[in-house]
PDB file of N, CA and C in Angstrom:
ATOM      1  N   UNK A   1       2.581  25.498 253.822  1.00  0.00           N
ATOM      2  CA  UNK A   1       1.714  25.364 252.672  1.00  0.00           C
ATOM      3  C   UNK A   1       0.276  25.645 253.072  1.00  0.00           C
ATOM      4  N   UNK A   2      -0.507  26.118 252.115  1.00  0.00           N
ATOM      5  CA  UNK A   2      -1.934  26.330 252.299  1.00  0.00           C
ATOM      6  C   UNK A   2      -2.661  25.486 251.257  1.00  0.00           C
ATOM      7  N   UNK A   3      -3.688  24.772 251.686  1.00  0.00           N
ATOM      8  CA  UNK A   3      -4.495  23.945 250.788  1.00  0.00           C
ATOM      9  C   UNK A   3      -5.927  24.449 250.857  1.00  0.00           C
ATOM     10  N   UNK A   4      -6.584  24.574 249.696  1.00  0.00           N
ATOM     11  CA  UNK A   4      -7.970  25.021 249.644  1.00  0.00           C
ATOM     12  C   UNK A   4      -8.831  23.964 248.972  1.00  0.00           C
ATOM     13  N   UNK A   5     -10.055  23.829 249.480  1.00  0.00           N
ATOM     14  CA  UNK A   5     -11.009  22.930 248.829  1.00  0.00           C
ATOM     15  C   UNK A   5     -11.833  23.774 247.868  1.00  0.00           C
ATOM     16  N   UNK A   6     -11.990  23.284 246.660  1.00  0.00           N
ATOM     17  CA  UNK A   6     -12.698  24.017 245.605  1.00  0.00           C
ATOM     18  C   UNK A   6     -13.989  23.291 245.260  1.00  0.00           C
ATOM     19  N   UNK A   7     -15.022  23.535 246.039  1.00  0.00           N
ATOM     20  CA  UNK A   7     -16.315  22.911 245.794  1.00  0.00           C
ATOM     21  C   UNK A   7     -17.423  23.895 246.054  1.00  0.00           C
ATOM     22  N   UNK A   8     -18.579  23.645 245.466  1.00  0.00           N
ATOM     23  CA  UNK A   8     -19.758  24.495 245.654  1.00  0.00           C
ATOM     24  C   UNK A   8     -20.899  23.632 246.161  1.00  0.00           C
ATOM     25  N   UNK A   9     -21.705  24.202 247.048  1.00  0.00           N
ATOM     26  CA  UNK A   9     -22.896  23.485 247.495  1.00  0.00           C
ATOM     27  C   UNK A   9     -24.023  23.662 246.494  1.00  0.00           C
ATOM     28  N   UNK A  10     -24.103  24.843 245.885  1.00  0.00           N
ATOM     29  CA  UNK A  10     -25.150  25.087 244.894  1.00  0.00           C
ATOM     30  C   UNK A  10     -24.643  26.105 243.885  1.00  0.00           C
ATOM     31  N   UNK A  11     -25.438  26.372 242.885  1.00  0.00           N
ATOM     32  CA  UNK A  11     -25.086  27.402 241.920  1.00  0.00           C
ATOM     33  C   UNK A  11     -24.580  26.855 240.608  1.00  0.00           C
ATOM     34  N   UNK A  12     -24.707  25.576 240.387  1.00  0.00           N
ATOM     35  CA  UNK A  12     -24.316  24.997 239.104  1.00  0.00           C
ATOM     36  C   UNK A  12     -22.827  24.788 238.983  1.00  0.00           C
ATOM     37  N   UNK A  13     -22.449  23.586 238.685  1.00  0.00           N
ATOM     38  CA  UNK A  13     -21.047  23.248 238.494  1.00  0.00           C
ATOM     39  C   UNK A  13     -20.271  23.305 239.795  1.00  0.00           C
ATOM     40  N   UNK A  14     -19.110  22.706 239.783  1.00  0.00           N
ATOM     41  CA  UNK A  14     -18.211  22.794 240.926  1.00  0.00           C
ATOM     42  C   UNK A  14     -16.817  22.431 240.463  1.00  0.00           C
ATOM     43  N   UNK A  15     -15.833  22.900 241.178  1.00  0.00           N
ATOM     44  CA  UNK A  15     -14.455  22.679 240.773  1.00  0.00           C
ATOM     45  C   UNK A  15     -13.980  21.277 241.113  1.00  0.00           C
ATOM     46  N   UNK A  16     -14.504  20.667 242.185  1.00  0.00           N
ATOM     47  CA  UNK A  16     -14.162  19.298 242.544  1.00  0.00           C
ATOM     48  C   UNK A  16     -12.655  19.079 242.655  1.00  0.00           C
ATOM     49  N   UNK A  17     -11.970  19.976 243.356  1.00  0.00           N
ATOM     50  CA  UNK A  17     -10.520  19.872 243.404  1.00  0.00           C
ATOM     51  C   UNK A  17      -9.941  20.497 244.666  1.00  0.00           C
ATOM     52  N   UNK A  18      -8.635  20.327 244.820  1.00  0.00           N
ATOM     53  CA  UNK A  18      -7.869  20.951 245.889  1.00  0.00           C
ATOM     54  C   UNK A  18      -6.745  21.732 245.235  1.00  0.00           C
ATOM     55  N   UNK A  19      -6.557  22.974 245.667  1.00  0.00           N
ATOM     56  CA  UNK A  19      -5.437  23.793 245.188  1.00  0.00           C
ATOM     57  C   UNK A  19      -4.427  23.940 246.320  1.00  0.00           C
ATOM     58  N   UNK A  20      -3.166  24.171 245.971  1.00  0.00           N
ATOM     59  CA  UNK A  20      -2.162  24.373 247.015  1.00  0.00           C
ATOM     60  C   UNK A  20      -1.285  25.574 246.705  1.00  0.00           C
ATOM     61  N   UNK A  21      -0.800  26.192 247.794  1.00  0.00           N
ATOM     62  CA  UNK A  21      -0.017  27.423 247.699  1.00  0.00           C
ATOM     63  C   UNK A  21       1.156  27.375 248.667  1.00  0.00           C
ATOM     64  N   UNK A  22       2.230  27.999 248.279  1.00  0.00           N
ATOM     65  CA  UNK A  22       3.371  28.222 249.152  1.00  0.00           C
ATOM     66  C   UNK A  22       3.134  29.533 249.880  1.00  0.00           C
ATOM     67  N   UNK A  23       3.312  29.533 251.204  1.00  0.00           N
ATOM     68  CA  UNK A  23       3.124  30.745 252.003  1.00  0.00           C
ATOM     69  C   UNK A  23       4.483  31.398 252.227  1.00  0.00           C
ATOM     70  N   UNK A  24       4.604  32.667 251.867  1.00  0.00           N
ATOM     71  CA  UNK A  24       5.814  33.432 252.158  1.00  0.00           C
ATOM     72  C   UNK A  24       5.752  33.794 253.642  1.00  0.00           C
ATOM     73  N   UNK A  25       6.655  33.201 254.441  1.00  0.00           N
ATOM     74  CA  UNK A  25       6.585  33.376 255.888  1.00  0.00           C
ATOM     75  C   UNK A  25       6.922  34.796 256.341  1.00  0.00           C
ATOM     76  N   UNK A  26       7.560  35.595 255.506  1.00  0.00           N
ATOM     77  CA  UNK A  26       7.880  36.970 255.877  1.00  0.00           C
ATOM     78  C   UNK A  26       6.760  37.937 255.520  1.00  0.00           C
ATOM     79  N   UNK A  27       6.218  37.797 254.315  1.00  0.00           N
ATOM     80  CA  UNK A  27       5.205  38.745 253.837  1.00  0.00           C
ATOM     81  C   UNK A  27       3.778  38.224 253.969  1.00  0.00           C
ATOM     82  N   UNK A  28       3.619  36.902 254.119  1.00  0.00           N
ATOM     83  CA  UNK A  28       2.287  36.323 254.183  1.00  0.00           C
ATOM     84  C   UNK A  28       1.638  36.130 252.831  1.00  0.00           C
ATOM     85  N   UNK A  29       2.358  36.407 251.762  1.00  0.00           N
ATOM     86  CA  UNK A  29       1.795  36.255 250.419  1.00  0.00           C
ATOM     87  C   UNK A  29       1.752  34.784 250.018  1.00  0.00           C
ATOM     88  N   UNK A  30       0.915  34.486 249.023  1.00  0.00           N
ATOM     89  CA  UNK A  30       0.735  33.120 248.537  1.00  0.00           C
ATOM     90  C   UNK A  30       1.206  33.001 247.101  1.00  0.00           C
ATOM     91  N   UNK A  31       1.835  31.859 246.788  1.00  0.00           N
ATOM     92  CA  UNK A  31       2.238  31.534 245.423  1.00  0.00           C
ATOM     93  C   UNK A  31       1.655  30.174 245.084  1.00  0.00           C
ATOM     94  N   UNK A  32       0.919  30.088 243.975  1.00  0.00           N
ATOM     95  CA  UNK A  32       0.330  28.818 243.561  1.00  0.00           C
ATOM     96  C   UNK A  32       1.437  27.822 243.243  1.00  0.00           C
ATOM     97  N   UNK A  33       1.297  26.611 243.757  1.00  0.00           N
ATOM     98  CA  UNK A  33       2.296  25.567 243.497  1.00  0.00           C
ATOM     99  C   UNK A  33       1.961  24.830 242.211  1.00  0.00           C
ATOM    100  N   UNK A  34       0.701  24.444 242.043  1.00  0.00           N
ATOM    101  CA  UNK A  34       0.276  23.734 240.841  1.00  0.00           C
ATOM    102  C   UNK A  34      -0.341  24.756 239.902  1.00  0.00           C
ATOM    103  N   UNK A  35       0.209  24.852 238.695  1.00  0.00           N
ATOM    104  CA  UNK A  35      -0.280  25.842 237.744  1.00  0.00           C
ATOM    105  C   UNK A  35      -0.783  25.154 236.482  1.00  0.00           C
ATOM    106  N   UNK A  36      -1.516  25.912 235.663  1.00  0.00           N
ATOM    107  CA  UNK A  36      -2.020  25.384 234.389  1.00  0.00           C
ATOM    108  C   UNK A  36      -0.831  24.950 233.545  1.00  0.00           C
ATOM    109  N   UNK A  37      -0.962  23.905 232.738  1.00  0.00           N
ATOM    110  CA  UNK A  37      -2.204  23.174 232.490  1.00  0.00           C
ATOM    111  C   UNK A  37      -2.500  22.068 233.495  1.00  0.00           C
ATOM    112  N   UNK A  38      -1.604  21.796 234.431  1.00  0.00           N
ATOM    113  CA  UNK A  38      -1.848  20.705 235.376  1.00  0.00           C
ATOM    114  C   UNK A  38      -3.074  20.971 236.250  1.00  0.00           C
ATOM    115  N   UNK A  39      -3.290  22.224 236.619  1.00  0.00           N
ATOM    116  CA  UNK A  39      -4.462  22.583 237.403  1.00  0.00           C
ATOM    117  C   UNK A  39      -4.420  22.044 238.811  1.00  0.00           C
ATOM    118  N   UNK A  40      -5.465  22.287 239.569  1.00  0.00           N
ATOM    119  CA  UNK A  40      -5.528  21.781 240.938  1.00  0.00           C
ATOM    120  C   UNK A  40      -5.734  20.272 240.953  1.00  0.00           C
ATOM    121  N   UNK A  41      -5.609  19.698 242.092  1.00  0.00           N
ATOM    122  CA  UNK A  41      -5.739  18.247 242.237  1.00  0.00           C
ATOM    123  C   UNK A  41      -7.203  17.837 242.180  1.00  0.00           C
ATOM    124  N   UNK A  42      -7.523  16.945 241.250  1.00  0.00           N
ATOM    125  CA  UNK A  42      -8.902  16.501 241.074  1.00  0.00           C
ATOM    126  C   UNK A  42      -9.311  15.574 242.198  1.00  0.00           C
ATOM    127  N   UNK A  43     -10.519  15.754 242.697  1.00  0.00           N
ATOM    128  CA  UNK A  43     -11.065  14.888 243.728  1.00  0.00           C
ATOM    129  C   UNK A  43     -12.094  13.938 243.119  1.00  0.00           C
ATOM    130  N   UNK A  44     -12.777  14.334 242.078  1.00  0.00           N
ATOM    131  CA  UNK A  44     -13.763  13.491 241.409  1.00  0.00           C
ATOM    132  C   UNK A  44     -14.992  14.289 241.036  1.00  0.00           C
ATOM    133  N   UNK A  45     -15.721  13.823 240.020  1.00  0.00           N
ATOM    134  CA  UNK A  45     -16.918  14.522 239.551  1.00  0.00           C
ATOM    135  C   UNK A  45     -17.976  14.622 240.642  1.00  0.00           C
ATOM    136  N   UNK A  46     -18.535  15.817 240.785  1.00  0.00           N
ATOM    137  CA  UNK A  46     -19.632  16.097 241.710  1.00  0.00           C
ATOM    138  C   UNK A  46     -19.324  15.726 243.163  1.00  0.00           C
ATOM    139  N   UNK A  47     -18.047  15.725 243.545  1.00  0.00           N
ATOM    140  CA  UNK A  47     -17.692  15.417 244.923  1.00  0.00           C
ATOM    141  C   UNK A  47     -17.838  16.624 245.827  1.00  0.00           C
ATOM    142  N   UNK A  48     -17.644  17.831 245.283  1.00  0.00           N
ATOM    143  CA  UNK A  48     -17.753  19.096 246.017  1.00  0.00           C
ATOM    144  C   UNK A  48     -17.001  19.076 247.347  1.00  0.00           C
ATOM    145  N   UNK A  49     -15.670  19.034 247.312  1.00  0.00           N
ATOM    146  CA  UNK A  49     -14.917  19.060 248.568  1.00  0.00           C
ATOM    147  C   UNK A  49     -15.172  20.363 249.319  1.00  0.00           C
ATOM    148  N   UNK A  50     -15.573  20.259 250.580  1.00  0.00           N
ATOM    149  CA  UNK A  50     -15.915  21.432 251.377  1.00  0.00           C
ATOM    150  C   UNK A  50     -14.874  21.725 252.446  1.00  0.00           C
ATOM    151  N   UNK A  51     -14.007  20.770 252.746  1.00  0.00           N
ATOM    152  CA  UNK A  51     -12.996  20.990 253.771  1.00  0.00           C
ATOM    153  C   UNK A  51     -11.734  20.227 253.414  1.00  0.00           C
ATOM    154  N   UNK A  52     -10.644  20.693 253.983  1.00  0.00           N
ATOM    155  CA  UNK A  52      -9.350  20.040 253.769  1.00  0.00           C
ATOM    156  C   UNK A  52      -8.569  20.144 255.070  1.00  0.00           C
ATOM    157  N   UNK A  53      -7.833  19.092 255.412  1.00  0.00           N
ATOM    158  CA  UNK A  53      -7.031  19.095 256.638  1.00  0.00           C
ATOM    159  C   UNK A  53      -5.759  18.285 256.428  1.00  0.00           C
ATOM    160  N   UNK A  54      -4.734  18.635 257.190  1.00  0.00           N
ATOM    161  CA  UNK A  54      -3.437  17.941 257.147  1.00  0.00           C
ATOM    162  C   UNK A  54      -3.305  17.139 258.433  1.00  0.00           C
ATOM    163  N   UNK A  55      -2.847  15.885 258.323  1.00  0.00           N
ATOM    164  CA  UNK A  55      -2.703  15.071 259.523  1.00  0.00           C
ATOM    165  C   UNK A  55      -1.539  15.594 260.378  1.00  0.00           C
ATOM    166  N   UNK A  56      -1.510  15.254 261.668  1.00  0.00           N
ATOM    167  CA  UNK A  56      -0.494  15.806 262.576  1.00  0.00           C
ATOM    168  C   UNK A  56       0.948  15.498 262.177  1.00  0.00           C
ATOM    169  N   UNK A  57       1.158  14.426 261.424  1.00  0.00           N
ATOM    170  CA  UNK A  57       2.533  14.102 261.004  1.00  0.00           C
ATOM    171  C   UNK A  57       2.980  14.948 259.820  1.00  0.00           C
ATOM    172  N   UNK A  58       2.014  15.615 259.157  1.00  0.00           N
ATOM    173  CA  UNK A  58       2.339  16.401 257.969  1.00  0.00           C
ATOM    174  C   UNK A  58       2.568  15.551 256.735  1.00  0.00           C
ATOM    175  N   UNK A  59       2.177  14.291 256.777  1.00  0.00           N
ATOM    176  CA  UNK A  59       2.400  13.377 255.649  1.00  0.00           C
ATOM    177  C   UNK A  59       1.192  13.204 254.743  1.00  0.00           C
ATOM    178  N   UNK A  60      -0.009  13.513 255.254  1.00  0.00           N
ATOM    179  CA  UNK A  60      -1.221  13.270 254.483  1.00  0.00           C
ATOM    180  C   UNK A  60      -2.176  14.457 254.559  1.00  0.00           C
ATOM    181  N   UNK A  61      -2.939  14.642 253.469  1.00  0.00           N
ATOM    182  CA  UNK A  61      -3.976  15.665 253.381  1.00  0.00           C
ATOM    183  C   UNK A  61      -5.279  14.938 253.054  1.00  0.00           C
ATOM    184  N   UNK A  62      -6.367  15.340 253.719  1.00  0.00           N
ATOM    185  CA  UNK A  62      -7.667  14.724 253.504  1.00  0.00           C
ATOM    186  C   UNK A  62      -8.696  15.778 253.141  1.00  0.00           C
ATOM    187  N   UNK A  63      -9.636  15.412 252.255  1.00  0.00           N
ATOM    188  CA  UNK A  63     -10.729  16.303 251.888  1.00  0.00           C
ATOM    189  C   UNK A  63     -12.053  15.672 252.298  1.00  0.00           C
ATOM    190  N   UNK A  64     -12.964  16.501 252.823  1.00  0.00           N
ATOM    191  CA  UNK A  64     -14.326  16.076 253.089  1.00  0.00           C
ATOM    192  C   UNK A  64     -15.161  16.434 251.874  1.00  0.00           C
ATOM    193  N   UNK A  65     -15.650  15.432 251.161  1.00  0.00           N
ATOM    194  CA  UNK A  65     -16.335  15.633 249.884  1.00  0.00           C
ATOM    195  C   UNK A  65     -17.854  15.600 250.081  1.00  0.00           C
ATOM    196  N   UNK A  66     -18.415  16.783 250.238  1.00  0.00           N
ATOM    197  CA  UNK A  66     -19.832  16.962 250.548  1.00  0.00           C
ATOM    198  C   UNK A  66     -20.745  16.290 249.525  1.00  0.00           C
ATOM    199  N   UNK A  67     -20.442  16.452 248.257  1.00  0.00           N
ATOM    200  CA  UNK A  67     -21.319  15.948 247.198  1.00  0.00           C
ATOM    201  C   UNK A  67     -21.310  14.452 247.042  1.00  0.00           C
ATOM    202  N   UNK A  68     -20.265  13.784 247.535  1.00  0.00           N
ATOM    203  CA  UNK A  68     -20.145  12.340 247.358  1.00  0.00           C
ATOM    204  C   UNK A  68     -20.248  11.568 248.661  1.00  0.00           C
ATOM    205  N   UNK A  69     -20.367  12.262 249.803  1.00  0.00           N
ATOM    206  CA  UNK A  69     -20.366  11.624 251.118  1.00  0.00           C
ATOM    207  C   UNK A  69     -19.145  10.716 251.267  1.00  0.00           C
ATOM    208  N   UNK A  70     -17.973  11.288 250.936  1.00  0.00           N
ATOM    209  CA  UNK A  70     -16.717  10.547 251.019  1.00  0.00           C
ATOM    210  C   UNK A  70     -15.603  11.442 251.551  1.00  0.00           C
ATOM    211  N   UNK A  71     -14.541  10.803 252.010  1.00  0.00           N
ATOM    212  CA  UNK A  71     -13.307  11.473 252.384  1.00  0.00           C
ATOM    213  C   UNK A  71     -12.222  10.926 251.469  1.00  0.00           C
ATOM    214  N   UNK A  72     -11.430  11.825 250.862  1.00  0.00           N
ATOM    215  CA  UNK A  72     -10.323  11.418 249.987  1.00  0.00           C
ATOM    216  C   UNK A  72      -8.997  11.745 250.643  1.00  0.00           C
ATOM    217  N   UNK A  73      -7.995  10.888 250.428  1.00  0.00           N
ATOM    218  CA  UNK A  73      -6.674  11.088 251.012  1.00  0.00           C
ATOM    219  C   UNK A  73      -5.605  11.307 249.967  1.00  0.00           C
ATOM    220  N   UNK A  74      -4.635  12.159 250.313  1.00  0.00           N
ATOM    221  CA  UNK A  74      -3.479  12.447 249.465  1.00  0.00           C
ATOM    222  C   UNK A  74      -2.221  12.366 250.312  1.00  0.00           C
ATOM    223  N   UNK A  75      -1.130  11.880 249.737  1.00  0.00           N
ATOM    224  CA  UNK A  75       0.149  11.998 250.434  1.00  0.00           C
ATOM    225  C   UNK A  75       0.735  13.356 250.097  1.00  0.00           C
ATOM    226  N   UNK A  76       1.414  13.962 251.064  1.00  0.00           N
ATOM    227  CA  UNK A  76       1.960  15.300 250.926  1.00  0.00           C
ATOM    228  C   UNK A  76       3.477  15.217 250.826  1.00  0.00           C
ATOM    229  N   UNK A  77       4.031  15.793 249.779  1.00  0.00           N
ATOM    230  CA  UNK A  77       5.476  15.877 249.632  1.00  0.00           C
ATOM    231  C   UNK A  77       5.919  17.121 250.394  1.00  0.00           C
ATOM    232  N   UNK A  78       6.557  16.935 251.549  1.00  0.00           N
ATOM    233  CA  UNK A  78       6.908  18.073 252.405  1.00  0.00           C
ATOM    234  C   UNK A  78       7.997  18.946 251.802  1.00  0.00           C
ATOM    235  N   UNK A  79       8.730  18.425 250.823  1.00  0.00           N
ATOM    236  CA  UNK A  79       9.801  19.209 250.193  1.00  0.00           C
ATOM    237  C   UNK A  79       9.257  20.274 249.249  1.00  0.00           C
ATOM    238  N   UNK A  80       8.104  19.975 248.582  1.00  0.00           N
ATOM    239  CA  UNK A  80       7.593  20.940 247.604  1.00  0.00           C
ATOM    240  C   UNK A  80       6.084  21.203 247.711  1.00  0.00           C
ATOM    241  N   UNK A  81       5.397  20.543 248.643  1.00  0.00           N
ATOM    242  CA  UNK A  81       3.977  20.801 248.872  1.00  0.00           C
ATOM    243  C   UNK A  81       3.019  20.112 247.930  1.00  0.00           C
ATOM    244  N   UNK A  82       3.526  19.323 246.988  1.00  0.00           N
ATOM    245  CA  UNK A  82       2.630  18.666 246.039  1.00  0.00           C
ATOM    246  C   UNK A  82       1.906  17.498 246.696  1.00  0.00           C
ATOM    247  N   UNK A  83       0.784  17.128 246.097  1.00  0.00           N
ATOM    248  CA  UNK A  83      -0.058  16.055 246.607  1.00  0.00           C
ATOM    249  C   UNK A  83      -0.144  14.918 245.606  1.00  0.00           C
ATOM    250  N   UNK A  84      -0.261  13.697 246.122  1.00  0.00           N
ATOM    251  CA  UNK A  84      -0.456  12.509 245.292  1.00  0.00           C
ATOM    252  C   UNK A  84      -1.617  11.723 245.884  1.00  0.00           C
ATOM    253  N   UNK A  85      -2.631  11.384 245.064  1.00  0.00           N
ATOM    254  CA  UNK A  85      -3.736  10.589 245.611  1.00  0.00           C
ATOM    255  C   UNK A  85      -3.219   9.287 246.208  1.00  0.00           C
ATOM    256  N   UNK A  86      -3.735   8.920 247.373  1.00  0.00           N
ATOM    257  CA  UNK A  86      -3.349   7.675 248.026  1.00  0.00           C
ATOM    258  C   UNK A  86      -4.277   6.578 247.509  1.00  0.00           C
ATOM    259  N   UNK A  87      -3.689   5.515 246.971  1.00  0.00           N
ATOM    260  CA  UNK A  87      -4.473   4.397 246.462  1.00  0.00           C
ATOM    261  C   UNK A  87      -5.305   3.799 247.593  1.00  0.00           C
ATOM    262  N   UNK A  88      -6.587   3.651 247.352  1.00  0.00           N
ATOM    263  CA  UNK A  88      -7.483   3.064 248.335  1.00  0.00           C
ATOM    264  C   UNK A  88      -7.841   3.994 249.479  1.00  0.00           C
ATOM    265  N   UNK A  89      -7.544   5.279 249.356  1.00  0.00           N
ATOM    266  CA  UNK A  89      -7.814   6.216 250.456  1.00  0.00           C
ATOM    267  C   UNK A  89      -9.005   7.116 250.166  1.00  0.00           C
ATOM    268  N   UNK A  90     -10.044   6.583 249.552  1.00  0.00           N
ATOM    269  CA  UNK A  90     -11.317   7.288 249.432  1.00  0.00           C
ATOM    270  C   UNK A  90     -12.321   6.458 250.220  1.00  0.00           C
ATOM    271  N   UNK A  91     -12.871   7.070 251.247  1.00  0.00           N
ATOM    272  CA  UNK A  91     -13.712   6.347 252.182  1.00  0.00           C
ATOM    273  C   UNK A  91     -15.119   6.924 252.213  1.00  0.00           C
ATOM    274  N   UNK A  92     -16.108   6.048 252.147  1.00  0.00           N
ATOM    275  CA  UNK A  92     -17.503   6.477 252.268  1.00  0.00           C
ATOM    276  C   UNK A  92     -17.785   6.828 253.720  1.00  0.00           C
ATOM    277  N   UNK A  93     -18.576   7.884 253.922  1.00  0.00           N
ATOM    278  CA  UNK A  93     -19.030   8.274 255.260  1.00  0.00           C
ATOM    279  C   UNK A  93     -20.552   8.342 255.238  1.00  0.00           C
ATOM    280  N   UNK A  94     -21.176   8.377 256.414  1.00  0.00           N
ATOM    281  CA  UNK A  94     -22.638   8.259 256.467  1.00  0.00           C
ATOM    282  C   UNK A  94     -23.383   9.505 256.010  1.00  0.00           C
ATOM    283  N   UNK A  95     -22.759  10.674 256.101  1.00  0.00           N
ATOM    284  CA  UNK A  95     -23.421  11.902 255.667  1.00  0.00           C
ATOM    285  C   UNK A  95     -22.451  12.741 254.849  1.00  0.00           C
ATOM    286  N   UNK A  96     -22.906  13.866 254.367  1.00  0.00           N
ATOM    287  CA  UNK A  96     -22.090  14.740 253.534  1.00  0.00           C
ATOM    288  C   UNK A  96     -21.182  15.589 254.425  1.00  0.00           C
ATOM    289  N   UNK A  97     -19.871  15.301 254.487  1.00  0.00           N
ATOM    290  CA  UNK A  97     -18.990  16.024 255.406  1.00  0.00           C
ATOM    291  C   UNK A  97     -18.732  17.464 254.976  1.00  0.00           C
ATOM    292  N   UNK A  98     -18.804  18.365 255.947  1.00  0.00           N
ATOM    293  CA  UNK A  98     -18.479  19.761 255.707  1.00  0.00           C
ATOM    294  C   UNK A  98     -17.240  20.191 256.481  1.00  0.00           C
ATOM    295  N   UNK A  99     -16.850  19.432 257.493  1.00  0.00           N
ATOM    296  CA  UNK A  99     -15.672  19.719 258.308  1.00  0.00           C
ATOM    297  C   UNK A  99     -14.921  18.428 258.585  1.00  0.00           C
ATOM    298  N   UNK A 100     -13.599  18.531 258.721  1.00  0.00           N
ATOM    299  CA  UNK A 100     -12.769  17.401 259.115  1.00  0.00           C
ATOM    300  C   UNK A 100     -11.947  17.810 260.322  1.00  0.00           C
ATOM    301  N   UNK A 101     -11.724  16.866 261.232  1.00  0.00           N
ATOM    302  CA  UNK A 101     -10.885  17.112 262.389  1.00  0.00           C
ATOM    303  C   UNK A 101     -10.075  15.864 262.640  1.00  0.00           C
ATOM    304  N   UNK A 102      -8.763  16.002 262.702  1.00  0.00           N
ATOM    305  CA  UNK A 102      -7.881  14.882 263.032  1.00  0.00           C
ATOM    306  C   UNK A 102      -7.395  15.090 264.458  1.00  0.00           C
ATOM    307  N   UNK A 103      -7.543  14.059 265.272  1.00  0.00           N
ATOM    308  CA  UNK A 103      -7.110  14.115 266.657  1.00  0.00           C
ATOM    309  C   UNK A 103      -5.992  13.099 266.857  1.00  0.00           C
ATOM    310  N   UNK A 104      -4.867  13.566 267.384  1.00  0.00           N
ATOM    311  CA  UNK A 104      -3.757  12.659 267.664  1.00  0.00           C
ATOM    312  C   UNK A 104      -4.112  11.745 268.811  1.00  0.00           C
ATOM    313  N   UNK A 105      -3.648  10.501 268.704  1.00  0.00           N
ATOM    314  CA  UNK A 105      -3.852   9.554 269.805  1.00  0.00           C
ATOM    315  C   UNK A 105      -2.861   9.825 270.904  1.00  0.00           C
TER     316      UNK A 105
END
């Protein structure tokens, strides 16, 4: 699966969301998993997610939300690539994150 963060630093408005795609392993083509009217996964107003990462277990996806100085978490359904917001998994950080890195212990 491929996940994209849909946020803008400037230029008016922002998507404030995460989109996901199925990767065709033979051709490299992408197919959108979440389509209208459901749309991409909302992160929150004016959050401007700038990065997205998957944890090493493949169970969770996190976004670095530049506009809100927060990190949001989603559980990942490995069978179909869909995301579900994790209750209580939005964390304040000291600055506006532009990159995320998960390091295994």
